[in-house]
Amino acid sequence: MKDALNYTVIYYDDDIVVLNKKSGLLVAADRYDTNALRLDKLAEKEFGTLFAVHRIDKDTSGIVLYARNADAHKNISQAFEKRLVKKTYHALVYGRPMWENLTVELPLLPDGDARHRTVVNKRIGKKSLTIFRNIGSAGQFSWIEAKPITGRTHQIRVHLAESGLSIVCDPLYSGNQKPVRLSEIKRSYRGDVFEERPLLNRLGLHAYELTLEHPKTAEEVTFTAPYWKDMNSLRNQLAKLYKTDPLKISQ
């Protein structure tokens, strides 16, 4: 039985498993947080041994792919290393950027400060490239599509921060970590603000889509991870109020 509170299954076969993970789960072992709940260990109860081929941040929700055998592990790992895998993320940020498209290329150094954050370091940082698209504004927020070409730790979060944008509820890179509440975005809110539960109180970043060649058939496949309930509830409310919906944008 899968742990439905922590992940859902998007797809599986003899070679790969594609999961949609909840925010707060590690994808694989982490030297800084050895006791944290891990997606691979939870999913192995259902699928047997899994091989990690990529990572997304613990705080990020969304799509994670694992290999189920050594050949698939080798093939997919090489595809990631050669940057043949297309990755798409959706982020909700504070502010209203004036640009429609933005390319950020800043060298990043993981574990660059006392809080183990990734920092820009033009001397010894590794090449890092992210392509952003402004989906549209929704009041004080904006929806941003991010396509990381490289795969550095916290890359999207840092590249947005360096561009003057903070992802909502980001505990590491945002100056504003307060939860997002309906009473703060809906003027006609009639509920009890003291009893109100937040719409979102975790990082507003979701790994939405992966496109790659299947390790056995070589067929190009695309997998999409639905938003989790909290982020989807916020999306619905913002779409009603401001008519901007990241799930209805033209590709």
C-alpha atoms as a PDB file:
ATOM      1  CA  MET A   1       0.000   0.000   0.000  1.00  0.00           C
ATOM      2  CA  LYS A   2       1.297   3.425  -0.899  1.00  0.00           C
ATOM      3  CA  ASP A   3       1.282   6.224   1.642  1.00  0.00           C
ATOM      4  CA  ALA A   4      -1.439   8.349   0.007  1.00  0.00           C
ATOM      5  CA  LEU A   5      -0.815  11.166   2.463  1.00  0.00           C
ATOM      6  CA  ASN A   6       2.720  11.610   1.141  1.00  0.00           C
ATOM      7  CA  TYR A   7       2.677  10.597  -2.527  1.00  0.00           C
ATOM      8  CA  THR A   8       0.510   9.430  -5.393  1.00  0.00           C
ATOM      9  CA  VAL A   9       1.474   7.239  -8.337  1.00  0.00           C
ATOM     10  CA  ILE A  10       1.460   8.842 -11.796  1.00  0.00           C
ATOM     11  CA  TYR A  11       2.876   5.902 -13.781  1.00  0.00           C
ATOM     12  CA  TYR A  12       4.914   2.730 -13.396  1.00  0.00           C
ATOM     13  CA  ASP A  13       6.209  -0.166 -15.464  1.00  0.00           C
ATOM     14  CA  ASP A  14       9.082  -2.644 -15.171  1.00  0.00           C
ATOM     15  CA  ASP A  15      11.699   0.106 -15.681  1.00  0.00           C
ATOM     16  CA  ILE A  16      10.446   3.316 -14.072  1.00  0.00           C
ATOM     17  CA  VAL A  17       8.185   4.683 -11.363  1.00  0.00           C
ATOM     18  CA  VAL A  18       6.817   8.223 -11.571  1.00  0.00           C
ATOM     19  CA  LEU A  19       5.423   9.722  -8.366  1.00  0.00           C
ATOM     20  CA  ASN A  20       3.847  12.973  -7.237  1.00  0.00           C
ATOM     21  CA  LYS A  21       5.348  13.805  -3.855  1.00  0.00           C
ATOM     22  CA  LYS A  22       4.052  16.035  -1.137  1.00  0.00           C
ATOM     23  CA  SER A  23       6.110  18.969   0.117  1.00  0.00           C
ATOM     24  CA  GLY A  24       8.306  18.009   3.074  1.00  0.00           C
ATOM     25  CA  LEU A  25       9.683  14.717   1.756  1.00  0.00           C
ATOM     26  CA  LEU A  26      13.265  14.038   0.775  1.00  0.00           C
ATOM     27  CA  VAL A  27      13.725  12.264  -2.561  1.00  0.00           C
ATOM     28  CA  ALA A  28      16.799  10.319  -1.368  1.00  0.00           C
ATOM     29  CA  ALA A  29      19.345  10.306   1.467  1.00  0.00           C
ATOM     30  CA  ASP A  30      20.556  13.704   2.669  1.00  0.00           C
ATOM     31  CA  ARG A  31      23.674  14.178   4.777  1.00  0.00           C
ATOM     32  CA  TYR A  32      22.175  17.188   6.588  1.00  0.00           C
ATOM     33  CA  ASP A  33      18.851  15.571   7.494  1.00  0.00           C
ATOM     34  CA  THR A  34      19.478  11.866   8.011  1.00  0.00           C
ATOM     35  CA  ASN A  35      16.274  11.235   9.961  1.00  0.00           C
ATOM     36  CA  ALA A  36      13.860  13.013   7.623  1.00  0.00           C
ATOM     37  CA  LEU A  37      11.012  11.166   5.931  1.00  0.00           C
ATOM     38  CA  ARG A  38      12.127   9.873   2.516  1.00  0.00           C
ATOM     39  CA  LEU A  39      10.010   9.281  -0.551  1.00  0.00           C
ATOM     40  CA  ASP A  40      12.169   6.445  -1.872  1.00  0.00           C
ATOM     41  CA  LYS A  41      11.873   4.464   1.368  1.00  0.00           C
ATOM     42  CA  LEU A  42       8.101   4.946   1.477  1.00  0.00           C
ATOM     43  CA  ALA A  43       7.649   3.951  -2.168  1.00  0.00           C
ATOM     44  CA  GLU A  44       9.948   0.913  -1.915  1.00  0.00           C
ATOM     45  CA  LYS A  45       7.299  -0.718   0.265  1.00  0.00           C
ATOM     46  CA  GLU A  46       5.125  -0.750  -2.842  1.00  0.00           C
ATOM     47  CA  PHE A  47       7.609  -1.099  -5.707  1.00  0.00           C
ATOM     48  CA  GLY A  48      10.740  -2.731  -4.294  1.00  0.00           C
ATOM     49  CA  THR A  49      14.216  -1.268  -4.722  1.00  0.00           C
ATOM     50  CA  LEU A  50      14.252   2.133  -6.418  1.00  0.00           C
ATOM     51  CA  PHE A  51      17.207   4.030  -7.896  1.00  0.00           C
ATOM     52  CA  ALA A  52      17.259   7.837  -7.677  1.00  0.00           C
ATOM     53  CA  VAL A  53      18.082   9.543 -10.995  1.00  0.00           C
ATOM     54  CA  HIS A  54      17.329  13.155 -10.041  1.00  0.00           C
ATOM     55  CA  ARG A  55      16.228  15.216  -7.070  1.00  0.00           C
ATOM     56  CA  ILE A  56      13.800  17.976  -6.267  1.00  0.00           C
ATOM     57  CA  ASP A  57      13.954  20.044  -3.092  1.00  0.00           C
ATOM     58  CA  LYS A  58      12.446  18.651   0.095  1.00  0.00           C
ATOM     59  CA  ASP A  59      10.154  21.684   0.295  1.00  0.00           C
ATOM     60  CA  THR A  60       9.036  21.376  -3.333  1.00  0.00           C
ATOM     61  CA  SER A  61       6.041  19.247  -4.270  1.00  0.00           C
ATOM     62  CA  GLY A  62       5.570  17.419  -7.531  1.00  0.00           C
ATOM     63  CA  ILE A  63       6.976  14.936  -9.987  1.00  0.00           C
ATOM     64  CA  VAL A  64       9.799  12.543  -9.125  1.00  0.00           C
ATOM     65  CA  LEU A  65      11.038   9.706 -11.322  1.00  0.00           C
ATOM     66  CA  TYR A  66      12.886   6.611 -10.113  1.00  0.00           C
ATOM     67  CA  ALA A  67      14.511   3.765 -12.049  1.00  0.00           C
ATOM     68  CA  ARG A  68      13.631   0.177 -11.129  1.00  0.00           C
ATOM     69  CA  ASN A  69      16.715  -1.605 -12.464  1.00  0.00           C
ATOM     70  CA  ALA A  70      20.385  -0.962 -13.232  1.00  0.00           C
ATOM     71  CA  ASP A  71      19.954  -0.471 -16.999  1.00  0.00           C
ATOM     72  CA  ALA A  72      17.172   2.065 -16.580  1.00  0.00           C
ATOM     73  CA  HIS A  73      19.178   3.819 -13.882  1.00  0.00           C
ATOM     74  CA  LYS A  74      22.178   4.160 -16.198  1.00  0.00           C
ATOM     75  CA  ASN A  75      20.155   5.369 -19.198  1.00  0.00           C
ATOM     76  CA  ILE A  76      18.089   7.941 -17.326  1.00  0.00           C
ATOM     77  CA  SER A  77      21.030   9.221 -15.306  1.00  0.00           C
ATOM     78  CA  GLN A  78      22.932   9.831 -18.540  1.00  0.00           C
ATOM     79  CA  ALA A  79      19.921  11.648 -20.003  1.00  0.00           C
ATOM     80  CA  PHE A  80      19.843  14.004 -17.009  1.00  0.00           C
ATOM     81  CA  GLU A  81      23.605  14.543 -17.198  1.00  0.00           C
ATOM     82  CA  LYS A  82      23.361  15.404 -20.909  1.00  0.00           C
ATOM     83  CA  ARG A  83      20.405  17.744 -20.173  1.00  0.00           C
ATOM     84  CA  LEU A  84      18.085  15.787 -22.427  1.00  0.00           C
ATOM     85  CA  VAL A  85      15.277  15.718 -19.860  1.00  0.00           C
ATOM     86  CA  LYS A  86      12.853  18.648 -20.058  1.00  0.00           C
ATOM     87  CA  LYS A  87      11.625  19.877 -16.679  1.00  0.00           C
ATOM     88  CA  THR A  88       8.799  22.328 -15.997  1.00  0.00           C
ATOM     89  CA  TYR A  89       7.943  23.886 -12.627  1.00  0.00           C
ATOM     90  CA  HIS A  90       5.202  26.261 -11.519  1.00  0.00           C
ATOM     91  CA  ALA A  91       5.881  28.850  -8.820  1.00  0.00           C
ATOM     92  CA  LEU A  92       3.672  31.376  -7.086  1.00  0.00           C
ATOM     93  CA  VAL A  93       5.651  34.490  -6.235  1.00  0.00           C
ATOM     94  CA  TYR A  94       5.038  37.806  -4.553  1.00  0.00           C
ATOM     95  CA  GLY A  95       5.027  40.760  -6.912  1.00  0.00           C
ATOM     96  CA  ARG A  96       4.216  41.523 -10.545  1.00  0.00           C
ATOM     97  CA  PRO A  97       7.273  41.295 -12.809  1.00  0.00           C
ATOM     98  CA  MET A  98       7.236  43.468 -15.921  1.00  0.00           C
ATOM     99  CA  TRP A  99       8.836  40.844 -18.152  1.00  0.00           C
ATOM    100  CA  GLU A 100       7.097  38.092 -20.100  1.00  0.00           C
ATOM    101  CA  ASN A 101      10.175  35.908 -20.518  1.00  0.00           C
ATOM    102  CA  LEU A 102      13.419  35.925 -18.580  1.00  0.00           C
ATOM    103  CA  THR A 103      16.591  33.867 -18.844  1.00  0.00           C
ATOM    104  CA  VAL A 104      18.783  33.757 -15.739  1.00  0.00           C
ATOM    105  CA  GLU A 105      22.315  32.426 -15.981  1.00  0.00           C
ATOM    106  CA  LEU A 106      24.125  32.831 -12.679  1.00  0.00           C
ATOM    107  CA  PRO A 107      26.746  30.411 -11.284  1.00  0.00           C
ATOM    108  CA  LEU A 108      25.582  28.725  -8.087  1.00  0.00           C
ATOM    109  CA  LEU A 109      27.406  27.264  -5.122  1.00  0.00           C
ATOM    110  CA  PRO A 110      25.346  24.803  -3.033  1.00  0.00           C
ATOM    111  CA  ASP A 111      25.808  24.864   0.740  1.00  0.00           C
ATOM    112  CA  GLY A 112      27.270  28.324   0.409  1.00  0.00           C
ATOM    113  CA  ASP A 113      26.367  29.774   3.800  1.00  0.00           C
ATOM    114  CA  ALA A 114      25.714  28.797   7.412  1.00  0.00           C
ATOM    115  CA  ARG A 115      22.084  27.887   6.635  1.00  0.00           C
ATOM    116  CA  HIS A 116      23.175  25.490   3.865  1.00  0.00           C
ATOM    117  CA  ARG A 117      21.598  27.727   1.257  1.00  0.00           C
ATOM    118  CA  THR A 118      22.734  27.885  -2.337  1.00  0.00           C
ATOM    119  CA  VAL A 119      24.386  31.196  -3.198  1.00  0.00           C
ATOM    120  CA  VAL A 120      25.537  32.975  -6.338  1.00  0.00           C
ATOM    121  CA  ASN A 121      29.316  32.703  -6.629  1.00  0.00           C
ATOM    122  CA  LYS A 122      30.819  33.979  -9.858  1.00  0.00           C
ATOM    123  CA  ARG A 123      34.281  32.682  -8.943  1.00  0.00           C
ATOM    124  CA  ILE A 124      33.716  29.022  -8.073  1.00  0.00           C
ATOM    125  CA  GLY A 125      29.977  28.521  -8.634  1.00  0.00           C
ATOM    126  CA  LYS A 126      28.752  25.982 -11.205  1.00  0.00           C
ATOM    127  CA  LYS A 127      27.071  27.117 -14.400  1.00  0.00           C
ATOM    128  CA  SER A 128      23.326  27.357 -13.822  1.00  0.00           C
ATOM    129  CA  LEU A 129      20.618  28.302 -16.311  1.00  0.00           C
ATOM    130  CA  THR A 130      16.863  28.749 -15.862  1.00  0.00           C
ATOM    131  CA  ILE A 131      14.299  29.973 -18.377  1.00  0.00           C
ATOM    132  CA  PHE A 132      11.269  31.719 -16.857  1.00  0.00           C
ATOM    133  CA  ARG A 133       7.898  32.695 -18.273  1.00  0.00           C
ATOM    134  CA  ASN A 134       5.468  35.054 -16.574  1.00  0.00           C
ATOM    135  CA  ILE A 135       2.113  33.260 -16.760  1.00  0.00           C
ATOM    136  CA  GLY A 136       0.204  36.181 -15.300  1.00  0.00           C
ATOM    137  CA  SER A 137      -0.568  38.209 -12.214  1.00  0.00           C
ATOM    138  CA  ALA A 138      -3.176  37.447  -9.555  1.00  0.00           C
ATOM    139  CA  GLY A 139      -3.460  40.378  -7.201  1.00  0.00           C
ATOM    140  CA  GLN A 140      -0.298  40.682  -5.164  1.00  0.00           C
ATOM    141  CA  PHE A 141       0.988  37.416  -6.652  1.00  0.00           C
ATOM    142  CA  SER A 142       2.181  36.141 -10.023  1.00  0.00           C
ATOM    143  CA  TRP A 143       2.372  32.646 -11.468  1.00  0.00           C
ATOM    144  CA  ILE A 144       5.752  31.818 -12.978  1.00  0.00           C
ATOM    145  CA  GLU A 145       6.695  28.889 -15.201  1.00  0.00           C
ATOM    146  CA  ALA A 146      10.309  27.776 -14.723  1.00  0.00           C
ATOM    147  CA  LYS A 147      12.329  25.494 -16.976  1.00  0.00           C
ATOM    148  CA  PRO A 148      15.690  24.696 -15.340  1.00  0.00           C
ATOM    149  CA  ILE A 149      18.242  23.636 -17.942  1.00  0.00           C
ATOM    150  CA  THR A 150      20.785  22.691 -15.297  1.00  0.00           C
ATOM    151  CA  GLY A 151      19.873  20.982 -12.028  1.00  0.00           C
ATOM    152  CA  ARG A 152      21.546  22.765  -9.133  1.00  0.00           C
ATOM    153  CA  THR A 153      20.216  22.603  -5.592  1.00  0.00           C
ATOM    154  CA  HIS A 154      17.544  25.284  -5.004  1.00  0.00           C
ATOM    155  CA  GLN A 155      18.284  26.659  -8.488  1.00  0.00           C
ATOM    156  CA  ILE A 156      14.823  28.051  -9.249  1.00  0.00           C
ATOM    157  CA  ARG A 157      14.465  29.575  -5.794  1.00  0.00           C
ATOM    158  CA  VAL A 158      17.820  31.341  -5.972  1.00  0.00           C
ATOM    159  CA  HIS A 159      17.453  32.521  -9.573  1.00  0.00           C
ATOM    160  CA  LEU A 160      14.050  34.019  -8.767  1.00  0.00           C
ATOM    161  CA  ALA A 161      15.365  35.644  -5.597  1.00  0.00           C
ATOM    162  CA  GLU A 162      18.271  37.152  -7.528  1.00  0.00           C
ATOM    163  CA  SER A 163      15.694  38.540  -9.975  1.00  0.00           C
ATOM    164  CA  GLY A 164      13.835  40.269  -7.152  1.00  0.00           C
ATOM    165  CA  LEU A 165      11.057  37.696  -6.705  1.00  0.00           C
ATOM    166  CA  SER A 166      10.277  35.542  -3.680  1.00  0.00           C
ATOM    167  CA  ILE A 167       8.290  32.315  -3.831  1.00  0.00           C
ATOM    168  CA  VAL A 168       5.466  32.381  -1.303  1.00  0.00           C
ATOM    169  CA  CYS A 169       6.163  30.664   2.022  1.00  0.00           C
ATOM    170  CA  ASP A 170       9.818  30.030   1.179  1.00  0.00           C
ATOM    171  CA  PRO A 171      11.565  29.320   4.504  1.00  0.00           C
ATOM    172  CA  LEU A 172      15.058  29.962   3.109  1.00  0.00           C
ATOM    173  CA  TYR A 173      14.994  32.620   0.393  1.00  0.00           C
ATOM    174  CA  SER A 174      11.918  34.737   1.089  1.00  0.00           C
ATOM    175  CA  GLY A 175      11.654  37.721   3.383  1.00  0.00           C
ATOM    176  CA  ASN A 176       7.942  36.970   3.760  1.00  0.00           C
ATOM    177  CA  GLN A 177       7.213  33.472   5.046  1.00  0.00           C
ATOM    178  CA  LYS A 178       3.649  34.011   6.279  1.00  0.00           C
ATOM    179  CA  PRO A 179       0.972  31.559   5.109  1.00  0.00           C
ATOM    180  CA  VAL A 180      -1.436  32.582   2.357  1.00  0.00           C
ATOM    181  CA  ARG A 181      -4.969  33.012   3.702  1.00  0.00           C
ATOM    182  CA  LEU A 182      -8.250  33.516   1.873  1.00  0.00           C
ATOM    183  CA  SER A 183      -9.109  36.497   4.098  1.00  0.00           C
ATOM    184  CA  GLU A 184      -6.058  38.316   2.751  1.00  0.00           C
ATOM    185  CA  ILE A 185      -6.950  37.875  -0.915  1.00  0.00           C
ATOM    186  CA  LYS A 186     -10.761  37.965  -0.912  1.00  0.00           C
ATOM    187  CA  ARG A 187     -12.320  41.270   0.128  1.00  0.00           C
ATOM    188  CA  SER A 188     -15.742  39.698   0.728  1.00  0.00           C
ATOM    189  CA  TYR A 189     -14.399  37.084   3.144  1.00  0.00           C
ATOM    190  CA  ARG A 190     -16.979  36.474   5.881  1.00  0.00           C
ATOM    191  CA  GLY A 191     -15.333  33.784   7.967  1.00  0.00           C
ATOM    192  CA  ASP A 192     -13.682  34.002  11.368  1.00  0.00           C
ATOM    193  CA  VAL A 193     -10.104  35.157  10.783  1.00  0.00           C
ATOM    194  CA  PHE A 194      -9.073  33.664  14.120  1.00  0.00           C
ATOM    195  CA  GLU A 195     -10.318  30.192  13.140  1.00  0.00           C
ATOM    196  CA  GLU A 196      -9.261  30.384   9.504  1.00  0.00           C
ATOM    197  CA  ARG A 197      -6.908  27.725   8.163  1.00  0.00           C
ATOM    198  CA  PRO A 198      -4.305  28.841   5.596  1.00  0.00           C
ATOM    199  CA  LEU A 199      -4.800  27.959   1.963  1.00  0.00           C
ATOM    200  CA  LEU A 200      -1.046  27.415   1.675  1.00  0.00           C
ATOM    201  CA  ASN A 201       1.593  27.334   4.383  1.00  0.00           C
ATOM    202  CA  ARG A 202       4.483  25.639   2.550  1.00  0.00           C
ATOM    203  CA  LEU A 203       6.747  26.494  -0.363  1.00  0.00           C
ATOM    204  CA  GLY A 204       4.689  27.494  -3.409  1.00  0.00           C
ATOM    205  CA  LEU A 205       6.830  25.581  -5.912  1.00  0.00           C
ATOM    206  CA  HIS A 206       5.610  22.518  -7.796  1.00  0.00           C
ATOM    207  CA  ALA A 207       7.502  20.234 -10.174  1.00  0.00           C
ATOM    208  CA  TYR A 208       4.768  20.009 -12.788  1.00  0.00           C
ATOM    209  CA  GLU A 209       6.088  18.110 -15.806  1.00  0.00           C
ATOM    210  CA  LEU A 210       8.893  15.857 -17.067  1.00  0.00           C
ATOM    211  CA  THR A 211       9.600  14.877 -20.679  1.00  0.00           C
ATOM    212  CA  LEU A 212      12.230  12.265 -21.557  1.00  0.00           C
ATOM    213  CA  GLU A 213      12.940   9.192 -23.646  1.00  0.00           C
ATOM    214  CA  HIS A 214      11.755   5.988 -22.042  1.00  0.00           C
ATOM    215  CA  PRO A 215      14.894   4.013 -21.047  1.00  0.00           C
ATOM    216  CA  LYS A 216      13.741   0.826 -22.793  1.00  0.00           C
ATOM    217  CA  THR A 217      11.560   1.891 -25.743  1.00  0.00           C
ATOM    218  CA  ALA A 218      13.300   5.230 -26.520  1.00  0.00           C
ATOM    219  CA  GLU A 219       9.822   6.698 -27.017  1.00  0.00           C
ATOM    220  CA  GLU A 220       9.414  10.280 -25.840  1.00  0.00           C
ATOM    221  CA  VAL A 221       7.076  10.351 -22.852  1.00  0.00           C
ATOM    222  CA  THR A 222       5.680  13.239 -20.833  1.00  0.00           C
ATOM    223  CA  PHE A 223       4.421  12.956 -17.272  1.00  0.00           C
ATOM    224  CA  THR A 224       2.413  15.596 -15.421  1.00  0.00           C
ATOM    225  CA  ALA A 225       1.919  15.905 -11.657  1.00  0.00           C
ATOM    226  CA  PRO A 226      -1.386  17.450 -10.526  1.00  0.00           C
ATOM    227  CA  TYR A 227      -1.196  20.134  -7.865  1.00  0.00           C
ATOM    228  CA  TRP A 228      -1.667  18.927  -4.314  1.00  0.00           C
ATOM    229  CA  LYS A 229      -4.895  19.943  -2.570  1.00  0.00           C
ATOM    230  CA  ASP A 230      -3.455  22.977  -0.775  1.00  0.00           C
ATOM    231  CA  MET A 231      -1.846  24.536  -3.838  1.00  0.00           C
ATOM    232  CA  ASN A 232      -4.832  23.629  -6.005  1.00  0.00           C
ATOM    233  CA  SER A 233      -7.249  25.300  -3.593  1.00  0.00           C
ATOM    234  CA  LEU A 234      -5.175  28.472  -3.745  1.00  0.00           C
ATOM    235  CA  ARG A 235      -5.016  28.224  -7.548  1.00  0.00           C
ATOM    236  CA  ASN A 236      -8.801  27.924  -7.731  1.00  0.00           C
ATOM    237  CA  GLN A 237      -9.368  30.934  -5.502  1.00  0.00           C
ATOM    238  CA  LEU A 238      -6.907  33.114  -7.411  1.00  0.00           C
ATOM    239  CA  ALA A 239      -8.372  31.984 -10.751  1.00  0.00           C
ATOM    240  CA  LYS A 240     -11.875  32.976  -9.622  1.00  0.00           C
ATOM    241  CA  LEU A 241     -10.739  36.357  -8.404  1.00  0.00           C
ATOM    242  CA  TYR A 242      -8.182  37.312 -11.054  1.00  0.00           C
ATOM    243  CA  LYS A 243      -8.874  35.038 -14.061  1.00  0.00           C
ATOM    244  CA  THR A 244      -5.263  33.815 -14.185  1.00  0.00           C
ATOM    245  CA  ASP A 245      -4.832  30.045 -14.137  1.00  0.00           C
ATOM    246  CA  PRO A 246      -1.440  28.335 -14.624  1.00  0.00           C
ATOM    247  CA  LEU A 247      -3.161  25.107 -15.666  1.00  0.00           C
ATOM    248  CA  LYS A 248      -4.958  26.795 -18.581  1.00  0.00           C
ATOM    249  CA  ILE A 249      -2.034  28.560 -20.202  1.00  0.00           C
ATOM    250  CA  SER A 250      -1.187  27.958 -23.841  1.00  0.00           C
ATOM    251  CA  GLN A 251       1.863  25.780 -24.327  1.00  0.00           C
END
